[in-house]
Amino acid sequence: VQVDRVCAVELDFWGSWVLWAWLDVVRVSRDERDSTLQARLARAAATLKLSESMGKAGVDFLKPLVSAWAALVLRQRKAMAAAAQRVYGVGSDTLQKVFQAWQEIKNAEFENIKRQLRRKEEDFQELQSLSSRLYTFSKHASSRVEHLESALRAAERALFAGQDRGEALEREVLGLQSQLQQEAMISETRLRQQEVVLHSRFEAELGQATALDRRLAAELGASEESQVRLRQELGAERAEAAEADERLQAEVEVALSEAEDFEATAHRHREERRAAEEEEKAHRAEAAAHRERLQDLEASAAGQALAASRQHMPPPAQPPPTRTEAAGLAQPSASSTLQRPEVDRKEPASGKLEEPQPSATTQLQQPQQPQEQPPPAEAIVQHQQDSKPPGDEAASAGADQAEEDGYTKEEWMDFFVEEGLGSDQLAVLDQIFQKLDTSGDGVLSADELSAALNDRSLKMSEETRQALVDFMYDVA
């Protein structure tokens, strides 16, 4: 709480200090403005008194000076207007933005010079009044008048050159006016010293104005050179842009021709792919019919084997078949054909065939069994399933499951290489495999691959994406 109070007190003290400082500044500025106004009013009154005291003779003497000064001012203003018009006409449409800032700076300088000239015109009027009074006091000395005229001309040139010496000249004029009012009858030597001082100052200001004029002329020349250089660079850039447009047009035409060739090749590949799919469907239909025939043969053979086993004694217990024997039993050719017992086929003398009789060995091995009825169809199917090796069903189930799960990355890439896909398309497919193989087994189905091609997060061109989508549609 005490810290907050201290902060509040400091803030109040700082605010009061700022307000008092602002009040002092306002009071000082008002005093300066009032003193300046009073001084100007005093100078105006003194000038009016001086002009009334001079009379008609002083006016006739100052007429040529005023006319010469007016002609000089008119020429200077015309020159400044012509220079400003030339500077304004230098810009063009392409360099308008470049010279806009420069023009604003020059306009600001011009306005500053105009303000200075306006202020110095007032000073010149005061100097003119002062010179009239000096003329009354030094009318008997023509040499002093000539020096004063040269000093006034130098002051006029310095005033139109644009030097910021108004306030200093105003203070000097005020000092000279007070001295002239107080020391009207001072010796001629002191007046000459003052004239020499004024003349030296006017010459220094004239030198500075000349240097400023040269600097402005150099800046104008540099701006013209930069304009020419920028125009040359603009022409070169336009020529380069035209050449780039021509090259781009040629590249677009080449790309269009390549796209047409690619579309024709893709259409031909799709037709070949459709023909291959039709052939594959025909082969699959033939294989399915062949499998059905083999199953029928196996069913009939199983029924015959079951009937034969019921006619004979049951064989002794044997160990379960090995893996090699189970694989041999899984072959369709071996399972569809059963070994028949050896029989002696004898041809009778009459030339008619008789029923085959079993051999002696077979009769010993197969004792007589009572005749039984053939098993029903359910028993044949059950026997066929029991006669299959244990690994056959697992192998077929694994193959079906593998077809449903998909193919590995190597199988897909080999298939795409055989189909003639480009390197950029293979790179996109490899990116898809790396993104979708989250389980690490490398197996990917056709549906997952087609869905991944529609993912916009993968970086590929639209032509490559559309070509792969069409290809996967043809494969599906």
Protein backbone atom coordinates (compact mmCIF):
# COMPACT_ATOMS: atom_id res chain seq x y z
CA VAL A 1 0.00 0.00 0.00
CA GLN A 2 2.85 2.40 0.84
CA VAL A 3 4.55 1.57 -2.46
CA ASP A 4 1.32 2.37 -4.31
CA ARG A 5 1.05 5.67 -2.46
CA VAL A 6 4.65 6.53 -3.29
CA CYS A 7 4.01 5.70 -6.95
CA ALA A 8 0.85 7.84 -6.93
CA VAL A 9 2.76 10.75 -5.36
CA GLU A 10 5.54 10.42 -7.95
CA LEU A 11 2.97 10.34 -10.74
CA ASP A 12 1.25 13.47 -9.38
CA PHE A 13 4.58 15.25 -9.02
CA TRP A 14 5.58 14.31 -12.55
CA GLY A 15 2.21 15.43 -13.94
CA SER A 16 2.40 18.76 -12.13
CA TRP A 17 5.95 19.28 -13.37
CA VAL A 18 4.88 18.57 -16.95
CA LEU A 19 1.95 21.00 -16.65
CA TRP A 20 4.18 23.76 -15.20
CA ALA A 21 6.74 23.19 -17.95
CA TRP A 22 4.04 23.36 -20.60
CA LEU A 23 2.69 26.57 -19.01
CA ASP A 24 6.18 28.13 -19.06
CA VAL A 25 6.66 27.17 -22.70
CA VAL A 26 3.30 28.67 -23.66
CA ARG A 27 4.09 31.86 -21.73
CA VAL A 28 7.53 32.19 -23.37
CA SER A 29 6.12 31.56 -26.84
CA ARG A 30 3.39 34.16 -26.29
CA ASP A 31 5.95 36.70 -25.03
CA GLU A 32 8.17 36.07 -28.06
CA ARG A 33 5.22 36.46 -30.43
CA ASP A 34 4.14 39.70 -28.73
CA SER A 35 7.67 41.10 -28.75
CA THR A 36 8.06 40.23 -32.43
CA LEU A 37 4.76 41.91 -33.27
CA GLN A 38 5.73 45.03 -31.32
CA ALA A 39 9.11 45.15 -33.05
CA ARG A 40 7.47 44.87 -36.47
CA LEU A 41 5.01 47.60 -35.60
CA ALA A 42 7.89 49.81 -34.46
CA ARG A 43 9.79 49.15 -37.70
CA ALA A 44 6.70 49.93 -39.74
CA ALA A 45 6.22 53.23 -37.89
CA ALA A 46 9.88 54.15 -38.38
CA THR A 47 9.66 53.30 -42.08
CA LEU A 48 6.57 55.45 -42.47
CA LYS A 49 8.29 58.36 -40.77
CA LEU A 50 11.38 57.91 -42.97
CA SER A 51 9.32 57.81 -46.16
CA GLU A 52 7.47 60.98 -45.15
CA SER A 53 10.76 62.73 -44.38
CA MET A 54 12.40 61.77 -47.67
CA GLY A 55 9.82 63.42 -49.89
CA LYS A 56 9.63 63.47 -53.64
CA ALA A 57 13.40 63.73 -54.27
CA GLY A 58 14.11 60.40 -52.57
CA VAL A 59 11.33 58.69 -54.51
CA ASP A 60 12.70 59.87 -57.86
CA PHE A 61 16.16 58.64 -56.91
CA LEU A 62 14.93 55.18 -55.86
CA LYS A 63 12.71 54.61 -58.93
CA PRO A 64 15.52 53.18 -61.15
CA LEU A 65 16.70 51.00 -58.29
CA VAL A 66 13.21 49.62 -57.72
CA SER A 67 12.65 49.06 -61.46
CA ALA A 68 15.99 47.22 -61.78
CA TRP A 69 15.14 45.16 -58.73
CA ALA A 70 11.67 44.34 -60.15
CA ALA A 71 13.15 43.24 -63.50
CA LEU A 72 15.69 41.05 -61.72
CA VAL A 73 12.97 39.50 -59.55
CA LEU A 74 10.81 38.85 -62.63
CA ARG A 75 13.69 37.13 -64.45
CA GLN A 76 14.52 35.05 -61.41
CA ARG A 77 10.91 33.96 -60.99
CA LYS A 78 10.62 33.08 -64.68
CA ALA A 79 13.85 31.07 -64.48
CA MET A 80 12.62 29.25 -61.38
CA ALA A 81 9.24 28.54 -63.04
CA ALA A 82 10.98 27.26 -66.19
CA ALA A 83 13.29 25.05 -64.12
CA ALA A 84 10.35 23.67 -62.18
CA GLN A 85 8.48 23.04 -65.46
CA ARG A 86 11.51 21.21 -66.90
CA VAL A 87 11.84 19.09 -63.77
CA TYR A 88 8.13 18.29 -63.89
CA GLY A 89 8.31 17.35 -67.59
CA VAL A 90 11.29 15.04 -67.17
CA GLY A 91 9.22 12.24 -65.59
CA SER A 92 7.39 9.65 -67.65
CA ASP A 93 4.76 7.01 -66.96
CA THR A 94 7.31 4.30 -66.13
CA LEU A 95 9.39 6.57 -63.83
CA GLN A 96 6.52 8.42 -62.16
CA LYS A 97 6.76 6.48 -58.92
CA VAL A 98 10.56 6.80 -58.86
CA PHE A 99 10.55 10.61 -59.14
CA GLN A 100 7.47 11.24 -57.03
CA ALA A 101 9.42 11.34 -53.77
CA TRP A 102 12.13 13.48 -55.39
CA GLN A 103 9.51 15.93 -56.66
CA GLU A 104 7.95 16.20 -53.22
CA ILE A 105 11.36 16.97 -51.70
CA LYS A 106 12.05 19.62 -54.32
CA ASN A 107 8.61 21.15 -53.87
CA ALA A 108 9.22 21.31 -50.13
CA GLU A 109 12.56 23.02 -50.75
CA PHE A 110 10.90 25.38 -53.21
CA GLU A 111 8.22 26.30 -50.69
CA ASN A 112 10.90 26.82 -48.06
CA ILE A 113 12.81 29.07 -50.44
CA LYS A 114 9.63 30.99 -51.23
CA ARG A 115 8.97 31.53 -47.54
CA GLN A 116 12.55 32.65 -47.05
CA LEU A 117 12.28 34.97 -50.04
CA ARG A 118 9.05 36.42 -48.72
CA ARG A 119 10.66 37.00 -45.35
CA LYS A 120 13.74 38.45 -46.98
CA GLU A 121 11.62 40.74 -49.14
CA GLU A 122 10.40 42.27 -45.95
CA ASP A 123 13.99 42.52 -44.81
CA PHE A 124 14.83 44.10 -48.14
CA GLN A 125 12.13 46.68 -47.68
CA GLU A 126 13.57 47.43 -44.29
CA LEU A 127 17.02 47.66 -45.86
CA GLN A 128 15.57 49.93 -48.53
CA SER A 129 14.21 52.25 -45.90
CA LEU A 130 17.55 52.07 -44.16
CA SER A 131 19.35 52.86 -47.39
CA SER A 132 17.11 55.88 -47.93
CA ARG A 133 18.07 57.21 -44.54
CA LEU A 134 21.69 56.45 -45.25
CA TYR A 135 21.34 58.35 -48.51
CA THR A 136 20.09 61.43 -46.69
CA PHE A 137 23.06 61.29 -44.34
CA SER A 138 25.64 60.43 -47.02
CA LYS A 139 24.30 62.43 -49.98
CA HIS A 140 27.44 64.55 -50.13
CA ALA A 141 29.64 61.40 -50.53
CA SER A 142 28.98 59.59 -53.83
CA SER A 143 31.54 56.92 -53.09
CA ARG A 144 29.58 55.73 -50.09
CA VAL A 145 26.40 55.63 -52.17
CA GLU A 146 28.08 53.45 -54.79
CA HIS A 147 29.33 51.06 -52.13
CA LEU A 148 25.85 50.94 -50.61
CA GLU A 149 24.29 50.17 -54.01
CA SER A 150 26.73 47.31 -54.61
CA ALA A 151 26.02 46.02 -51.11
CA LEU A 152 22.26 46.16 -51.75
CA ARG A 153 22.65 44.28 -55.05
CA ALA A 154 24.76 41.62 -53.35
CA ALA A 155 22.16 41.36 -50.60
CA GLU A 156 19.44 41.02 -53.24
CA ARG A 157 21.28 38.15 -54.97
CA ALA A 158 21.89 36.46 -51.63
CA LEU A 159 18.23 36.79 -50.68
CA PHE A 160 17.04 35.19 -53.95
CA ALA A 161 19.61 32.37 -53.68
CA GLY A 162 17.68 30.84 -50.77
CA GLN A 163 19.94 31.13 -47.73
CA ASP A 164 18.41 30.81 -44.31
CA ARG A 165 19.79 34.04 -42.96
CA GLY A 166 16.57 35.96 -42.39
CA GLU A 167 16.64 36.00 -38.64
CA ALA A 168 20.31 36.98 -38.47
CA LEU A 169 19.75 39.73 -41.02
CA GLU A 170 16.69 40.87 -39.11
CA ARG A 171 18.72 41.15 -35.90
CA GLU A 172 21.47 42.97 -37.77
CA VAL A 173 18.99 45.36 -39.34
CA LEU A 174 17.44 46.01 -35.95
CA GLY A 175 20.88 46.73 -34.55
CA LEU A 176 21.74 49.00 -37.47
CA GLN A 177 18.41 50.81 -37.19
CA SER A 178 18.89 51.46 -33.48
CA GLN A 179 22.45 52.60 -34.10
CA LEU A 180 21.34 54.89 -36.91
CA GLN A 181 18.57 56.36 -34.76
CA GLN A 182 20.95 56.93 -31.84
CA GLU A 183 24.12 57.82 -33.77
CA ALA A 184 22.84 59.80 -36.73
CA MET A 185 25.81 62.10 -36.72
CA ILE A 186 28.64 59.59 -36.10
CA SER A 187 31.84 59.97 -38.00
CA GLU A 188 32.22 58.81 -41.60
CA THR A 189 34.87 56.24 -40.72
CA ARG A 190 32.53 54.19 -38.54
CA LEU A 191 29.92 54.16 -41.29
CA ARG A 192 32.49 52.90 -43.78
CA GLN A 193 33.48 50.08 -41.41
CA GLN A 194 29.87 48.97 -41.15
CA GLU A 195 29.54 49.05 -44.95
CA VAL A 196 32.67 46.90 -45.31
CA VAL A 197 31.31 44.35 -42.82
CA LEU A 198 27.98 44.17 -44.66
CA HIS A 199 29.72 43.83 -48.01
CA SER A 200 31.87 40.91 -46.79
CA ARG A 201 28.85 39.13 -45.37
CA PHE A 202 26.90 39.60 -48.59
CA GLU A 203 29.82 38.22 -50.61
CA ALA A 204 30.00 35.13 -48.36
CA GLU A 205 26.28 34.54 -48.76
CA LEU A 206 26.61 34.97 -52.52
CA GLY A 207 29.31 32.26 -52.59
CA GLN A 208 27.12 29.91 -50.61
CA ALA A 209 24.19 30.56 -52.96
CA THR A 210 26.39 29.83 -55.98
CA ALA A 211 27.52 26.54 -54.43
CA LEU A 212 23.90 25.61 -53.76
CA ASP A 213 22.98 26.39 -57.37
CA ARG A 214 25.82 24.17 -58.63
CA ARG A 215 24.75 21.34 -56.33
CA LEU A 216 21.17 21.54 -57.57
CA ALA A 217 22.38 21.52 -61.18
CA ALA A 218 24.52 18.43 -60.46
CA GLU A 219 21.54 16.67 -58.86
CA LEU A 220 19.39 17.49 -61.90
CA GLY A 221 22.04 16.07 -64.25
CA ALA A 222 22.35 12.93 -62.15
CA SER A 223 18.57 12.51 -62.19
CA GLU A 224 18.52 12.81 -65.99
CA GLU A 225 21.30 10.22 -66.31
CA SER A 226 19.45 7.85 -63.97
CA GLN A 227 16.30 8.33 -66.06
CA VAL A 228 18.15 7.38 -69.26
CA ARG A 229 19.70 4.36 -67.55
CA LEU A 230 16.34 3.23 -66.18
CA ARG A 231 14.79 3.54 -69.63
CA GLN A 232 17.55 1.37 -71.09
CA GLU A 233 17.07 -1.22 -68.34
CA LEU A 234 13.30 -1.18 -68.97
CA GLY A 235 13.86 -1.88 -72.68
CA ALA A 236 16.23 -4.75 -71.86
CA GLU A 237 13.73 -6.21 -69.39
CA ARG A 238 10.95 -5.98 -71.96
CA ALA A 239 13.11 -7.81 -74.53
CA GLU A 240 13.94 -10.52 -71.98
CA ALA A 241 10.24 -10.84 -71.09
CA ALA A 242 9.36 -11.27 -74.78
CA GLU A 243 12.02 -13.97 -75.17
CA ALA A 244 10.79 -15.71 -72.01
CA ASP A 245 7.21 -15.63 -73.35
CA GLU A 246 8.35 -17.21 -76.62
CA ARG A 247 10.28 -19.94 -74.77
CA LEU A 248 7.30 -20.57 -72.50
CA GLN A 249 4.97 -20.84 -75.51
CA ALA A 250 7.31 -23.37 -77.13
CA GLU A 251 7.52 -25.39 -73.92
CA VAL A 252 3.72 -25.35 -73.60
CA GLU A 253 3.35 -26.65 -77.15
CA VAL A 254 5.89 -29.42 -76.47
CA ALA A 255 4.10 -30.31 -73.23
CA LEU A 256 0.76 -30.45 -75.05
CA SER A 257 2.20 -32.76 -77.69
CA GLU A 258 3.73 -34.96 -75.00
CA ALA A 259 0.38 -35.03 -73.16
CA GLU A 260 -1.39 -36.13 -76.34
CA ASP A 261 1.20 -38.88 -76.88
CA PHE A 262 0.83 -39.93 -73.25
CA GLU A 263 -2.96 -40.09 -73.56
CA ALA A 264 -2.69 -42.19 -76.71
CA THR A 265 -0.22 -44.54 -74.99
CA ALA A 266 -2.44 -44.76 -71.90
CA HIS A 267 -5.47 -45.54 -74.08
CA ARG A 268 -3.53 -48.28 -75.84
CA HIS A 269 -2.37 -49.68 -72.49
CA ARG A 270 -5.94 -49.67 -71.20
CA GLU A 271 -7.15 -51.57 -74.25
CA GLU A 272 -4.35 -54.12 -73.88
CA ARG A 273 -5.16 -54.39 -70.18
CA ARG A 274 -8.83 -55.02 -70.90
CA ALA A 275 -7.90 -57.74 -73.40
CA ALA A 276 -5.57 -59.34 -70.85
CA GLU A 277 -8.30 -59.19 -68.21
CA GLU A 278 -10.75 -60.91 -70.55
CA GLU A 279 -8.19 -63.63 -71.26
CA GLU A 280 -7.53 -63.99 -67.54
CA LYS A 281 -11.27 -64.30 -66.85
CA ALA A 282 -11.52 -67.01 -69.50
CA HIS A 283 -8.55 -68.85 -67.96
CA ARG A 284 -10.12 -68.55 -64.52
CA ALA A 285 -13.41 -69.95 -65.82
CA GLU A 286 -11.57 -72.88 -67.41
CA ALA A 287 -9.65 -73.46 -64.16
CA ALA A 288 -12.90 -73.39 -62.16
CA ALA A 289 -14.49 -75.92 -64.52
CA HIS A 290 -11.37 -78.06 -64.29
CA ARG A 291 -11.51 -77.92 -60.48
CA GLU A 292 -15.17 -78.94 -60.53
CA ARG A 293 -14.37 -81.91 -62.75
CA LEU A 294 -11.53 -82.92 -60.43
CA GLN A 295 -13.82 -82.66 -57.42
CA ASP A 296 -16.38 -84.88 -59.15
CA LEU A 297 -13.68 -87.42 -59.97
CA GLU A 298 -12.41 -87.30 -56.40
CA ALA A 299 -15.94 -87.83 -55.06
CA SER A 300 -16.51 -90.84 -57.32
CA ALA A 301 -13.09 -92.27 -56.46
CA ALA A 302 -13.79 -91.77 -52.77
CA GLY A 303 -17.06 -93.68 -53.12
CA GLN A 304 -15.34 -96.56 -54.89
CA ALA A 305 -12.61 -96.63 -52.26
CA LEU A 306 -15.18 -96.69 -49.45
CA ALA A 307 -17.07 -99.55 -51.11
CA ALA A 308 -13.85 -101.52 -51.57
CA SER A 309 -12.83 -100.91 -47.96
CA ARG A 310 -16.13 -102.29 -46.71
CA GLN A 311 -15.63 -105.51 -48.70
CA HIS A 312 -12.31 -106.28 -47.08
CA MET A 313 -11.03 -106.65 -43.59
CA PRO A 314 -10.05 -103.50 -41.85
CA PRO A 315 -6.34 -102.86 -42.26
CA PRO A 316 -4.08 -102.79 -39.22
CA ALA A 317 -3.57 -99.52 -37.45
CA GLN A 318 -1.01 -97.36 -39.21
CA PRO A 319 0.71 -94.19 -38.08
CA PRO A 320 -0.62 -90.90 -39.44
CA PRO A 321 0.78 -89.89 -42.83
CA THR A 322 3.83 -87.72 -42.93
CA ARG A 323 3.96 -84.27 -44.47
CA THR A 324 5.41 -85.65 -47.71
CA GLU A 325 2.69 -88.28 -47.98
CA ALA A 326 0.03 -85.64 -47.24
CA ALA A 327 1.42 -83.47 -50.02
CA GLY A 328 1.34 -86.46 -52.36
CA LEU A 329 -2.26 -87.13 -51.45
CA ALA A 330 -3.12 -83.47 -52.06
CA GLN A 331 -2.20 -83.74 -55.77
CA PRO A 332 -5.35 -83.99 -57.95
CA SER A 333 -3.81 -86.58 -60.26
CA ALA A 334 -2.84 -88.88 -57.38
CA SER A 335 -6.07 -88.44 -55.42
CA SER A 336 -8.36 -88.83 -58.43
CA THR A 337 -6.93 -92.21 -59.52
CA LEU A 338 -6.99 -95.25 -57.19
CA GLN A 339 -4.94 -98.44 -57.65
CA ARG A 340 -7.04 -101.32 -58.73
CA PRO A 341 -6.30 -104.84 -57.59
CA GLU A 342 -4.51 -107.04 -60.07
CA VAL A 343 -6.86 -109.44 -61.87
CA ASP A 344 -6.30 -112.21 -64.35
CA ARG A 345 -8.23 -111.52 -67.47
CA LYS A 346 -8.71 -114.79 -69.34
CA GLU A 347 -10.26 -115.09 -72.72
CA PRO A 348 -12.49 -118.17 -73.07
CA ALA A 349 -12.44 -120.39 -76.02
CA SER A 350 -15.77 -119.13 -77.20
CA GLY A 351 -14.17 -115.72 -77.76
CA LYS A 352 -16.36 -113.90 -75.19
CA LEU A 353 -14.88 -111.90 -72.41
CA GLU A 354 -15.49 -113.06 -68.90
CA GLU A 355 -15.58 -111.10 -65.73
CA PRO A 356 -12.11 -110.39 -64.37
CA GLN A 357 -11.08 -112.62 -61.52
CA PRO A 358 -8.78 -111.55 -58.78
CA SER A 359 -5.37 -113.06 -58.59
CA ALA A 360 -4.33 -115.57 -55.98
CA THR A 361 -2.31 -113.02 -54.07
CA THR A 362 -5.20 -110.64 -54.03
CA GLN A 363 -7.54 -113.39 -52.90
CA LEU A 364 -5.24 -114.22 -50.01
CA GLN A 365 -4.87 -110.59 -49.02
CA GLN A 366 -8.58 -109.86 -49.38
CA PRO A 367 -10.75 -112.40 -47.63
CA GLN A 368 -14.33 -112.77 -48.58
CA GLN A 369 -16.65 -110.13 -47.10
CA PRO A 370 -20.37 -110.01 -47.31
CA GLN A 371 -21.72 -107.66 -49.98
CA GLU A 372 -22.92 -104.25 -48.67
CA GLN A 373 -24.88 -101.38 -50.14
CA PRO A 374 -22.94 -98.37 -51.49
CA PRO A 375 -22.65 -95.43 -49.04
CA PRO A 376 -24.84 -92.39 -49.42
CA ALA A 377 -23.62 -89.08 -50.90
CA GLU A 378 -23.05 -87.54 -47.45
CA ALA A 379 -20.65 -90.35 -46.56
CA ILE A 380 -18.76 -89.88 -49.84
CA VAL A 381 -18.32 -86.16 -49.19
CA GLN A 382 -17.23 -86.81 -45.59
CA HIS A 383 -14.76 -89.45 -46.77
CA GLN A 384 -13.40 -87.06 -49.40
CA GLN A 385 -12.85 -84.40 -46.75
CA ASP A 386 -11.26 -86.93 -44.38
CA SER A 387 -8.99 -88.25 -47.15
CA LYS A 388 -7.48 -84.78 -47.74
CA PRO A 389 -4.20 -84.04 -45.93
CA PRO A 390 -4.34 -81.70 -42.96
CA GLY A 391 -2.25 -78.95 -44.65
CA ASP A 392 -4.41 -78.77 -47.79
CA GLU A 393 -7.27 -76.81 -46.24
CA ALA A 394 -4.88 -74.47 -44.42
CA ALA A 395 -2.99 -73.80 -47.66
CA SER A 396 -6.15 -73.02 -49.62
CA ALA A 397 -7.48 -70.82 -46.80
CA GLY A 398 -4.12 -68.99 -46.63
CA ALA A 399 -4.18 -68.37 -50.38
CA ASP A 400 -7.73 -66.99 -50.26
CA GLN A 401 -6.83 -64.80 -47.28
CA ALA A 402 -3.71 -63.54 -49.10
CA GLU A 403 -5.81 -62.61 -52.13
CA GLU A 404 -8.25 -60.73 -49.88
CA ASP A 405 -5.46 -58.93 -47.93
CA GLY A 406 -3.54 -57.79 -51.04
CA TYR A 407 -0.02 -57.99 -52.35
CA THR A 408 3.37 -56.98 -51.06
CA LYS A 409 5.26 -53.89 -52.14
CA GLU A 410 7.68 -55.92 -54.29
CA GLU A 411 4.80 -57.67 -56.11
CA TRP A 412 3.05 -54.37 -56.78
CA MET A 413 6.25 -52.70 -58.03
CA ASP A 414 7.09 -55.65 -60.32
CA PHE A 415 3.56 -55.48 -61.73
CA PHE A 416 3.79 -51.71 -62.32
CA VAL A 417 7.21 -52.03 -63.97
CA GLU A 418 5.86 -54.72 -66.30
CA GLU A 419 2.95 -52.42 -67.17
CA GLY A 420 5.43 -49.70 -68.21
CA LEU A 421 4.81 -46.94 -65.63
CA GLY A 422 7.20 -43.96 -65.54
CA SER A 423 9.80 -43.18 -62.90
CA ASP A 424 7.77 -40.27 -61.44
CA GLN A 425 4.71 -42.49 -61.06
CA LEU A 426 6.80 -45.25 -59.46
CA ALA A 427 8.21 -42.67 -57.01
CA VAL A 428 4.65 -41.61 -56.07
CA LEU A 429 3.66 -45.26 -55.53
CA ASP A 430 6.70 -45.83 -53.35
CA GLN A 431 5.67 -42.79 -51.26
CA ILE A 432 2.16 -44.27 -50.90
CA PHE A 433 3.58 -47.64 -49.76
CA GLN A 434 5.74 -45.96 -47.12
CA LYS A 435 2.77 -43.97 -45.81
CA LEU A 436 0.24 -46.84 -45.71
CA ASP A 437 2.53 -49.61 -44.42
CA THR A 438 1.80 -48.98 -40.75
CA SER A 439 1.75 -52.67 -39.76
CA GLY A 440 5.20 -53.35 -41.24
CA ASP A 441 4.17 -56.45 -43.24
CA GLY A 442 4.28 -54.57 -46.59
CA VAL A 443 0.87 -55.90 -47.76
CA LEU A 444 -1.44 -53.44 -49.56
CA SER A 445 -4.76 -54.07 -51.30
CA ALA A 446 -6.02 -52.47 -54.50
CA ASP A 447 -8.80 -50.60 -52.66
CA GLU A 448 -6.34 -49.06 -50.20
CA LEU A 449 -4.06 -48.00 -53.05
CA SER A 450 -6.96 -46.41 -54.97
CA ALA A 451 -8.13 -44.55 -51.85
CA ALA A 452 -4.58 -43.30 -51.17
CA LEU A 453 -4.36 -41.79 -54.66
CA ASN A 454 -7.25 -39.44 -53.74
CA ASP A 455 -5.34 -38.14 -50.70
CA ARG A 456 -4.38 -34.51 -51.38
CA SER A 457 -1.61 -34.53 -48.78
CA LEU A 458 0.61 -36.57 -51.09
CA LYS A 459 2.84 -34.35 -53.23
CA MET A 460 2.24 -35.20 -56.89
CA SER A 461 1.08 -33.43 -60.02
CA GLU A 462 -2.52 -33.64 -61.19
CA GLU A 463 -1.48 -35.42 -64.41
CA THR A 464 0.35 -38.14 -62.45
CA ARG A 465 -2.56 -38.51 -60.01
CA GLN A 466 -5.14 -38.81 -62.83
CA ALA A 467 -2.98 -41.31 -64.75
CA LEU A 468 -2.57 -43.54 -61.66
CA VAL A 469 -6.31 -43.33 -60.86
CA ASP A 470 -7.18 -44.39 -64.43
CA PHE A 471 -4.65 -47.20 -64.24
CA MET A 472 -5.99 -48.53 -60.93
CA TYR A 473 -9.55 -48.28 -62.29
CA ASP A 474 -8.53 -50.42 -65.28
CA VAL A 475 -6.78 -52.91 -62.96
CA ALA A 476 -9.85 -53.12 -60.71
